[in-house]
Amino acid sequence: MASLMNASKLRYLFLLLAAAILLAACGGRNKEAALPAGSTVLALGDSLTAGAGVSTEQAWPALLEKKTRWEIVNGGVNGNTSADALKRLPHLLEQHDPKLVLVALGGNDMLRHVPETETVANLDRILTLVRAHDAKAVLLATPEPNLMGAVFQHLSAPPFYQQIAERQQVPLIENAIAEVLSDPQLKGDQVHPNAAGHALLAEKIYGELQAIGYAR
């Protein structure tokens, strides 16, 4: 009886070990190649990227540039919807020829009650254009503005970001912006980070990019 129990335990441990090895192998295959210092990266977004309420040097793209040693072009424009950014993107791609595009859009769409189907279609087209330009992309989710999130200080991104990321097979940074905007002490107003918020946002994005593999 004891020998049967020992054999069962050994089989269980073997299966756990095999599963761990398989997960490690899958993770290694999925990790992206690091971008070297000096690589051009485009941050495509709205006021959250442009740095409304703070200086350009205090906005997260500039802070991320210092951490990564990439050359990050701040392509954020106050008030931009996904449709506005889509119109600007071809020129930005031609002008800067980025190796990576960080796409942080959708907040103004939600504030202006743009139909979700339109936002999703625009984000899909943006990611397709980036790929056609032989660049990589990372999608950053913007939290959905709502009263419950404001009252309980817990904002979250709508599910369509995850669906787009899976369909387009691009990495998603889902919680970084939401976590910063959920903390009143990190906001300059109801929808924008202050300088401390941008600093933390840069840290969070940098950590996510390290996990993805793009940043060292």
C-alpha atoms as a PDB file:
ATOM      1  CA  MET A   1       0.000   0.000   0.000  1.00  0.00           C
ATOM      2  CA  ALA A   2       2.796   2.415   0.934  1.00  0.00           C
ATOM      3  CA  SER A   3       4.633   1.707  -2.313  1.00  0.00           C
ATOM      4  CA  LEU A   4       1.477   2.505  -4.302  1.00  0.00           C
ATOM      5  CA  MET A   5       1.102   5.823  -2.481  1.00  0.00           C
ATOM      6  CA  ASN A   6       4.754   6.696  -3.114  1.00  0.00           C
ATOM      7  CA  ALA A   7       4.367   5.864  -6.800  1.00  0.00           C
ATOM      8  CA  SER A   8       1.286   8.075  -6.983  1.00  0.00           C
ATOM      9  CA  LYS A   9       3.150  10.965  -5.371  1.00  0.00           C
ATOM     10  CA  LEU A  10       6.039  10.539  -7.774  1.00  0.00           C
ATOM     11  CA  ARG A  11       3.711  10.631 -10.771  1.00  0.00           C
ATOM     12  CA  TYR A  12       2.064  13.783  -9.397  1.00  0.00           C
ATOM     13  CA  LEU A  13       5.417  15.501  -8.892  1.00  0.00           C
ATOM     14  CA  PHE A  14       6.517  14.461 -12.371  1.00  0.00           C
ATOM     15  CA  LEU A  15       3.378  15.975 -13.912  1.00  0.00           C
ATOM     16  CA  LEU A  16       3.895  19.214 -12.001  1.00  0.00           C
ATOM     17  CA  LEU A  17       7.502  19.413 -13.175  1.00  0.00           C
ATOM     18  CA  ALA A  18       6.515  18.706 -16.774  1.00  0.00           C
ATOM     19  CA  ALA A  19       3.842  21.403 -16.648  1.00  0.00           C
ATOM     20  CA  ALA A  20       6.321  23.932 -15.238  1.00  0.00           C
ATOM     21  CA  ILE A  21       8.858  23.149 -17.962  1.00  0.00           C
ATOM     22  CA  LEU A  22       6.167  23.482 -20.640  1.00  0.00           C
ATOM     23  CA  LEU A  23       4.986  26.843 -19.310  1.00  0.00           C
ATOM     24  CA  ALA A  24       8.554  28.158 -19.148  1.00  0.00           C
ATOM     25  CA  ALA A  25       9.214  27.033 -22.692  1.00  0.00           C
ATOM     26  CA  CYS A  26       6.038  28.698 -23.975  1.00  0.00           C
ATOM     27  CA  GLY A  27       6.897  31.916 -22.175  1.00  0.00           C
ATOM     28  CA  GLY A  28      10.364  31.951 -23.684  1.00  0.00           C
ATOM     29  CA  ARG A  29       9.006  31.521 -27.197  1.00  0.00           C
ATOM     30  CA  ASN A  30       6.512  34.347 -26.762  1.00  0.00           C
ATOM     31  CA  LYS A  31       8.942  36.927 -25.418  1.00  0.00           C
ATOM     32  CA  GLU A  32       9.775  39.678 -27.896  1.00  0.00           C
ATOM     33  CA  ALA A  33      13.287  40.716 -28.869  1.00  0.00           C
ATOM     34  CA  ALA A  34      14.610  43.750 -26.994  1.00  0.00           C
ATOM     35  CA  LEU A  35      14.836  47.051 -28.840  1.00  0.00           C
ATOM     36  CA  PRO A  36      18.340  48.530 -28.638  1.00  0.00           C
ATOM     37  CA  ALA A  37      19.094  51.978 -27.277  1.00  0.00           C
ATOM     38  CA  GLY A  38      18.462  54.680 -29.854  1.00  0.00           C
ATOM     39  CA  SER A  39      15.490  52.892 -31.438  1.00  0.00           C
ATOM     40  CA  THR A  40      12.690  55.208 -32.537  1.00  0.00           C
ATOM     41  CA  VAL A  41       9.408  54.566 -30.739  1.00  0.00           C
ATOM     42  CA  LEU A  42       6.130  56.396 -31.370  1.00  0.00           C
ATOM     43  CA  ALA A  43       3.695  57.014 -28.518  1.00  0.00           C
ATOM     44  CA  LEU A  44       0.367  57.501 -30.297  1.00  0.00           C
ATOM     45  CA  GLY A  45      -2.332  58.893 -28.066  1.00  0.00           C
ATOM     46  CA  ASP A  46      -4.439  61.726 -26.736  1.00  0.00           C
ATOM     47  CA  SER A  47      -4.001  64.116 -23.792  1.00  0.00           C
ATOM     48  CA  LEU A  48      -2.963  61.260 -21.489  1.00  0.00           C
ATOM     49  CA  THR A  49       0.077  60.827 -23.727  1.00  0.00           C
ATOM     50  CA  ALA A  50       0.601  64.485 -24.650  1.00  0.00           C
ATOM     51  CA  GLY A  51       0.782  65.334 -20.948  1.00  0.00           C
ATOM     52  CA  ALA A  52      -2.119  67.724 -20.398  1.00  0.00           C
ATOM     53  CA  GLY A  53      -1.508  69.644 -17.194  1.00  0.00           C
ATOM     54  CA  VAL A  54       2.218  68.859 -16.993  1.00  0.00           C
ATOM     55  CA  SER A  55       5.269  69.816 -19.034  1.00  0.00           C
ATOM     56  CA  THR A  56       6.402  67.702 -21.974  1.00  0.00           C
ATOM     57  CA  GLU A  57       9.409  66.605 -19.923  1.00  0.00           C
ATOM     58  CA  GLN A  58       7.110  65.383 -17.128  1.00  0.00           C
ATOM     59  CA  ALA A  59       4.845  63.348 -19.404  1.00  0.00           C
ATOM     60  CA  TRP A  60       5.279  59.572 -19.397  1.00  0.00           C
ATOM     61  CA  PRO A  61       6.795  59.285 -22.929  1.00  0.00           C
ATOM     62  CA  ALA A  62       9.722  61.538 -21.959  1.00  0.00           C
ATOM     63  CA  LEU A  63      10.222  59.680 -18.674  1.00  0.00           C
ATOM     64  CA  LEU A  64      10.036  56.329 -20.454  1.00  0.00           C
ATOM     65  CA  GLU A  65      12.636  57.550 -22.940  1.00  0.00           C
ATOM     66  CA  LYS A  66      15.103  58.086 -20.089  1.00  0.00           C
ATOM     67  CA  LYS A  67      14.498  54.583 -18.745  1.00  0.00           C
ATOM     68  CA  THR A  68      14.760  52.768 -22.068  1.00  0.00           C
ATOM     69  CA  ARG A  69      17.249  55.050 -23.860  1.00  0.00           C
ATOM     70  CA  TRP A  70      14.978  54.861 -26.891  1.00  0.00           C
ATOM     71  CA  GLU A  71      14.090  57.958 -28.888  1.00  0.00           C
ATOM     72  CA  ILE A  72      10.394  58.304 -28.111  1.00  0.00           C
ATOM     73  CA  VAL A  73       8.272  60.586 -30.278  1.00  0.00           C
ATOM     74  CA  ASN A  74       5.356  61.978 -28.289  1.00  0.00           C
ATOM     75  CA  GLY A  75       2.488  61.610 -30.741  1.00  0.00           C
ATOM     76  CA  GLY A  76      -0.180  62.553 -28.232  1.00  0.00           C
ATOM     77  CA  VAL A  77      -2.668  65.279 -29.151  1.00  0.00           C
ATOM     78  CA  ASN A  78      -5.144  66.737 -26.671  1.00  0.00           C
ATOM     79  CA  GLY A  79      -8.720  65.797 -27.474  1.00  0.00           C
ATOM     80  CA  ASN A  80      -7.864  63.170 -30.065  1.00  0.00           C
ATOM     81  CA  THR A  81     -10.251  60.298 -30.660  1.00  0.00           C
ATOM     82  CA  SER A  82      -9.184  57.032 -32.232  1.00  0.00           C
ATOM     83  CA  ALA A  83     -10.444  58.385 -35.581  1.00  0.00           C
ATOM     84  CA  ASP A  84      -8.315  61.531 -35.249  1.00  0.00           C
ATOM     85  CA  ALA A  85      -5.186  59.513 -34.451  1.00  0.00           C
ATOM     86  CA  LEU A  86      -5.889  57.146 -37.333  1.00  0.00           C
ATOM     87  CA  LYS A  87      -5.830  60.112 -39.730  1.00  0.00           C
ATOM     88  CA  ARG A  88      -2.482  61.313 -38.339  1.00  0.00           C
ATOM     89  CA  LEU A  89      -0.804  57.930 -38.235  1.00  0.00           C
ATOM     90  CA  PRO A  90       0.334  57.470 -41.879  1.00  0.00           C
ATOM     91  CA  HIS A  91       2.284  60.751 -41.790  1.00  0.00           C
ATOM     92  CA  LEU A  92       3.828  59.907 -38.415  1.00  0.00           C
ATOM     93  CA  LEU A  93       4.927  56.501 -39.652  1.00  0.00           C
ATOM     94  CA  GLU A  94       6.507  57.994 -42.770  1.00  0.00           C
ATOM     95  CA  GLN A  95       8.147  60.840 -40.881  1.00  0.00           C
ATOM     96  CA  HIS A  96       9.645  58.886 -37.988  1.00  0.00           C
ATOM     97  CA  ASP A  97       9.824  55.264 -39.206  1.00  0.00           C
ATOM     98  CA  PRO A  98       9.360  53.842 -35.680  1.00  0.00           C
ATOM     99  CA  LYS A  99      10.310  50.320 -34.720  1.00  0.00           C
ATOM    100  CA  LEU A 100       7.591  50.229 -32.073  1.00  0.00           C
ATOM    101  CA  VAL A 101       4.294  52.086 -31.654  1.00  0.00           C
ATOM    102  CA  LEU A 102       2.632  52.412 -28.244  1.00  0.00           C
ATOM    103  CA  VAL A 103      -1.084  52.921 -28.906  1.00  0.00           C
ATOM    104  CA  ALA A 104      -2.953  54.614 -26.039  1.00  0.00           C
ATOM    105  CA  LEU A 105      -6.345  55.693 -27.375  1.00  0.00           C
ATOM    106  CA  GLY A 106     -10.045  55.358 -26.694  1.00  0.00           C
ATOM    107  CA  GLY A 107     -10.599  57.622 -23.705  1.00  0.00           C
ATOM    108  CA  ASN A 108     -12.068  60.494 -25.706  1.00  0.00           C
ATOM    109  CA  ASP A 109     -14.171  58.049 -27.697  1.00  0.00           C
ATOM    110  CA  MET A 110     -15.785  56.902 -24.466  1.00  0.00           C
ATOM    111  CA  LEU A 111     -16.188  60.440 -23.113  1.00  0.00           C
ATOM    112  CA  ARG A 112     -17.919  61.495 -26.344  1.00  0.00           C
ATOM    113  CA  HIS A 113     -20.015  58.327 -26.522  1.00  0.00           C
ATOM    114  CA  VAL A 114     -18.562  57.229 -29.839  1.00  0.00           C
ATOM    115  CA  PRO A 115     -20.077  53.810 -30.645  1.00  0.00           C
ATOM    116  CA  GLU A 116     -17.779  51.067 -29.418  1.00  0.00           C
ATOM    117  CA  THR A 117     -17.870  49.403 -32.830  1.00  0.00           C
ATOM    118  CA  GLU A 118     -16.303  52.532 -34.362  1.00  0.00           C
ATOM    119  CA  THR A 119     -13.578  52.711 -31.725  1.00  0.00           C
ATOM    120  CA  VAL A 120     -12.754  49.039 -32.167  1.00  0.00           C
ATOM    121  CA  ALA A 121     -12.644  49.395 -35.959  1.00  0.00           C
ATOM    122  CA  ASN A 122     -10.313  52.403 -35.698  1.00  0.00           C
ATOM    123  CA  LEU A 123      -7.958  50.658 -33.284  1.00  0.00           C
ATOM    124  CA  ASP A 124      -7.904  47.602 -35.547  1.00  0.00           C
ATOM    125  CA  ARG A 125      -6.981  49.806 -38.510  1.00  0.00           C
ATOM    126  CA  ILE A 126      -4.270  51.566 -36.500  1.00  0.00           C
ATOM    127  CA  LEU A 127      -2.654  48.268 -35.542  1.00  0.00           C
ATOM    128  CA  THR A 128      -2.932  47.004 -39.115  1.00  0.00           C
ATOM    129  CA  LEU A 129      -1.217  50.165 -40.422  1.00  0.00           C
ATOM    130  CA  VAL A 130       1.575  49.779 -37.878  1.00  0.00           C
ATOM    131  CA  ARG A 131       2.143  46.186 -38.959  1.00  0.00           C
ATOM    132  CA  ALA A 132       2.072  47.174 -42.651  1.00  0.00           C
ATOM    133  CA  HIS A 133       4.860  49.648 -41.896  1.00  0.00           C
ATOM    134  CA  ASP A 134       6.934  46.757 -40.532  1.00  0.00           C
ATOM    135  CA  ALA A 135       6.746  48.072 -36.965  1.00  0.00           C
ATOM    136  CA  LYS A 136       5.720  46.373 -33.734  1.00  0.00           C
ATOM    137  CA  ALA A 137       2.817  47.596 -31.618  1.00  0.00           C
ATOM    138  CA  VAL A 138       1.738  47.532 -27.989  1.00  0.00           C
ATOM    139  CA  LEU A 139      -1.822  48.459 -27.037  1.00  0.00           C
ATOM    140  CA  LEU A 140      -2.417  50.425 -23.821  1.00  0.00           C
ATOM    141  CA  ALA A 141      -5.937  50.266 -22.425  1.00  0.00           C
ATOM    142  CA  THR A 142      -7.664  53.411 -21.203  1.00  0.00           C
ATOM    143  CA  PRO A 143     -10.145  52.976 -18.354  1.00  0.00           C
ATOM    144  CA  GLU A 144     -13.824  53.528 -18.903  1.00  0.00           C
ATOM    145  CA  PRO A 145     -14.999  56.748 -17.229  1.00  0.00           C
ATOM    146  CA  ASN A 146     -17.962  56.019 -14.997  1.00  0.00           C
ATOM    147  CA  LEU A 147     -19.499  57.190 -11.744  1.00  0.00           C
ATOM    148  CA  MET A 148     -18.890  53.932  -9.873  1.00  0.00           C
ATOM    149  CA  GLY A 149     -15.202  54.040 -10.712  1.00  0.00           C
ATOM    150  CA  ALA A 150     -14.943  57.636  -9.562  1.00  0.00           C
ATOM    151  CA  VAL A 151     -16.789  57.002  -6.289  1.00  0.00           C
ATOM    152  CA  PHE A 152     -14.934  53.815  -5.340  1.00  0.00           C
ATOM    153  CA  GLN A 153     -11.613  54.932  -6.873  1.00  0.00           C
ATOM    154  CA  HIS A 154     -11.315  51.800  -8.942  1.00  0.00           C
ATOM    155  CA  LEU A 155     -11.315  52.289 -12.682  1.00  0.00           C
ATOM    156  CA  SER A 156     -10.947  49.454 -15.165  1.00  0.00           C
ATOM    157  CA  ALA A 157     -10.564  49.083 -18.908  1.00  0.00           C
ATOM    158  CA  PRO A 158     -13.479  47.837 -21.013  1.00  0.00           C
ATOM    159  CA  PRO A 159     -13.175  44.295 -22.420  1.00  0.00           C
ATOM    160  CA  PHE A 160     -12.784  45.382 -26.032  1.00  0.00           C
ATOM    161  CA  TYR A 161      -9.077  46.150 -25.509  1.00  0.00           C
ATOM    162  CA  GLN A 162      -8.377  42.525 -24.602  1.00  0.00           C
ATOM    163  CA  GLN A 163     -10.429  41.356 -27.572  1.00  0.00           C
ATOM    164  CA  ILE A 164      -8.498  43.598 -29.977  1.00  0.00           C
ATOM    165  CA  ALA A 165      -5.151  42.509 -28.554  1.00  0.00           C
ATOM    166  CA  GLU A 166      -6.043  38.848 -28.958  1.00  0.00           C
ATOM    167  CA  ARG A 167      -7.379  39.323 -32.473  1.00  0.00           C
ATOM    168  CA  GLN A 168      -4.424  41.425 -33.610  1.00  0.00           C
ATOM    169  CA  GLN A 169      -1.927  39.323 -31.623  1.00  0.00           C
ATOM    170  CA  VAL A 170      -0.283  42.323 -29.973  1.00  0.00           C
ATOM    171  CA  PRO A 171       0.733  42.752 -26.326  1.00  0.00           C
ATOM    172  CA  LEU A 172      -1.707  44.609 -24.092  1.00  0.00           C
ATOM    173  CA  ILE A 173      -0.826  46.821 -21.144  1.00  0.00           C
ATOM    174  CA  GLU A 174      -4.230  46.655 -19.526  1.00  0.00           C
ATOM    175  CA  ASN A 175      -4.049  48.136 -16.045  1.00  0.00           C
ATOM    176  CA  ALA A 176      -1.280  50.761 -15.942  1.00  0.00           C
ATOM    177  CA  ILE A 177      -3.395  53.806 -16.855  1.00  0.00           C
ATOM    178  CA  ALA A 178      -6.402  52.580 -14.883  1.00  0.00           C
ATOM    179  CA  GLU A 179      -4.376  52.069 -11.715  1.00  0.00           C
ATOM    180  CA  VAL A 180      -2.871  55.564 -11.889  1.00  0.00           C
ATOM    181  CA  LEU A 181      -6.208  57.267 -12.601  1.00  0.00           C
ATOM    182  CA  SER A 182      -7.853  55.356  -9.737  1.00  0.00           C
ATOM    183  CA  ASP A 183      -5.708  57.279  -7.226  1.00  0.00           C
ATOM    184  CA  PRO A 184      -6.906  60.889  -6.626  1.00  0.00           C
ATOM    185  CA  GLN A 185      -3.441  61.860  -5.350  1.00  0.00           C
ATOM    186  CA  LEU A 186      -1.972  61.015  -8.761  1.00  0.00           C
ATOM    187  CA  LYS A 187      -4.411  63.171 -10.749  1.00  0.00           C
ATOM    188  CA  GLY A 188      -4.325  66.829 -11.688  1.00  0.00           C
ATOM    189  CA  ASP A 189      -8.010  66.740 -12.600  1.00  0.00           C
ATOM    190  CA  GLN A 190     -10.711  64.112 -13.070  1.00  0.00           C
ATOM    191  CA  VAL A 191      -9.168  62.488 -16.147  1.00  0.00           C
ATOM    192  CA  HIS A 192      -5.451  63.386 -16.278  1.00  0.00           C
ATOM    193  CA  PRO A 193      -2.440  62.336 -14.211  1.00  0.00           C
ATOM    194  CA  ASN A 194      -0.342  64.936 -12.429  1.00  0.00           C
ATOM    195  CA  ALA A 195       3.469  64.848 -12.504  1.00  0.00           C
ATOM    196  CA  ALA A 196       3.594  62.102  -9.867  1.00  0.00           C
ATOM    197  CA  GLY A 197       0.985  60.143 -11.831  1.00  0.00           C
ATOM    198  CA  HIS A 198       3.009  60.367 -15.027  1.00  0.00           C
ATOM    199  CA  ALA A 199       6.129  59.246 -13.150  1.00  0.00           C
ATOM    200  CA  LEU A 200       4.333  56.154 -11.820  1.00  0.00           C
ATOM    201  CA  LEU A 201       2.752  55.514 -15.215  1.00  0.00           C
ATOM    202  CA  ALA A 202       6.182  55.539 -16.844  1.00  0.00           C
ATOM    203  CA  GLU A 203       7.394  53.032 -14.217  1.00  0.00           C
ATOM    204  CA  LYS A 204       4.420  50.749 -14.838  1.00  0.00           C
ATOM    205  CA  ILE A 205       4.740  50.881 -18.625  1.00  0.00           C
ATOM    206  CA  TYR A 206       8.477  50.263 -18.391  1.00  0.00           C
ATOM    207  CA  GLY A 207       7.911  47.200 -16.211  1.00  0.00           C
ATOM    208  CA  GLU A 208       5.311  45.848 -18.632  1.00  0.00           C
ATOM    209  CA  LEU A 209       7.629  46.420 -21.603  1.00  0.00           C
ATOM    210  CA  GLN A 210      10.367  44.528 -19.757  1.00  0.00           C
ATOM    211  CA  ALA A 211       7.977  41.630 -19.193  1.00  0.00           C
ATOM    212  CA  ILE A 212       7.010  41.683 -22.891  1.00  0.00           C
ATOM    213  CA  GLY A 213      10.683  41.721 -23.832  1.00  0.00           C
ATOM    214  CA  TYR A 214      11.016  45.023 -25.691  1.00  0.00           C
ATOM    215  CA  ALA A 215      12.754  46.853 -22.830  1.00  0.00           C
ATOM    216  CA  ARG A 216      15.847  45.657 -20.998  1.00  0.00           C
END
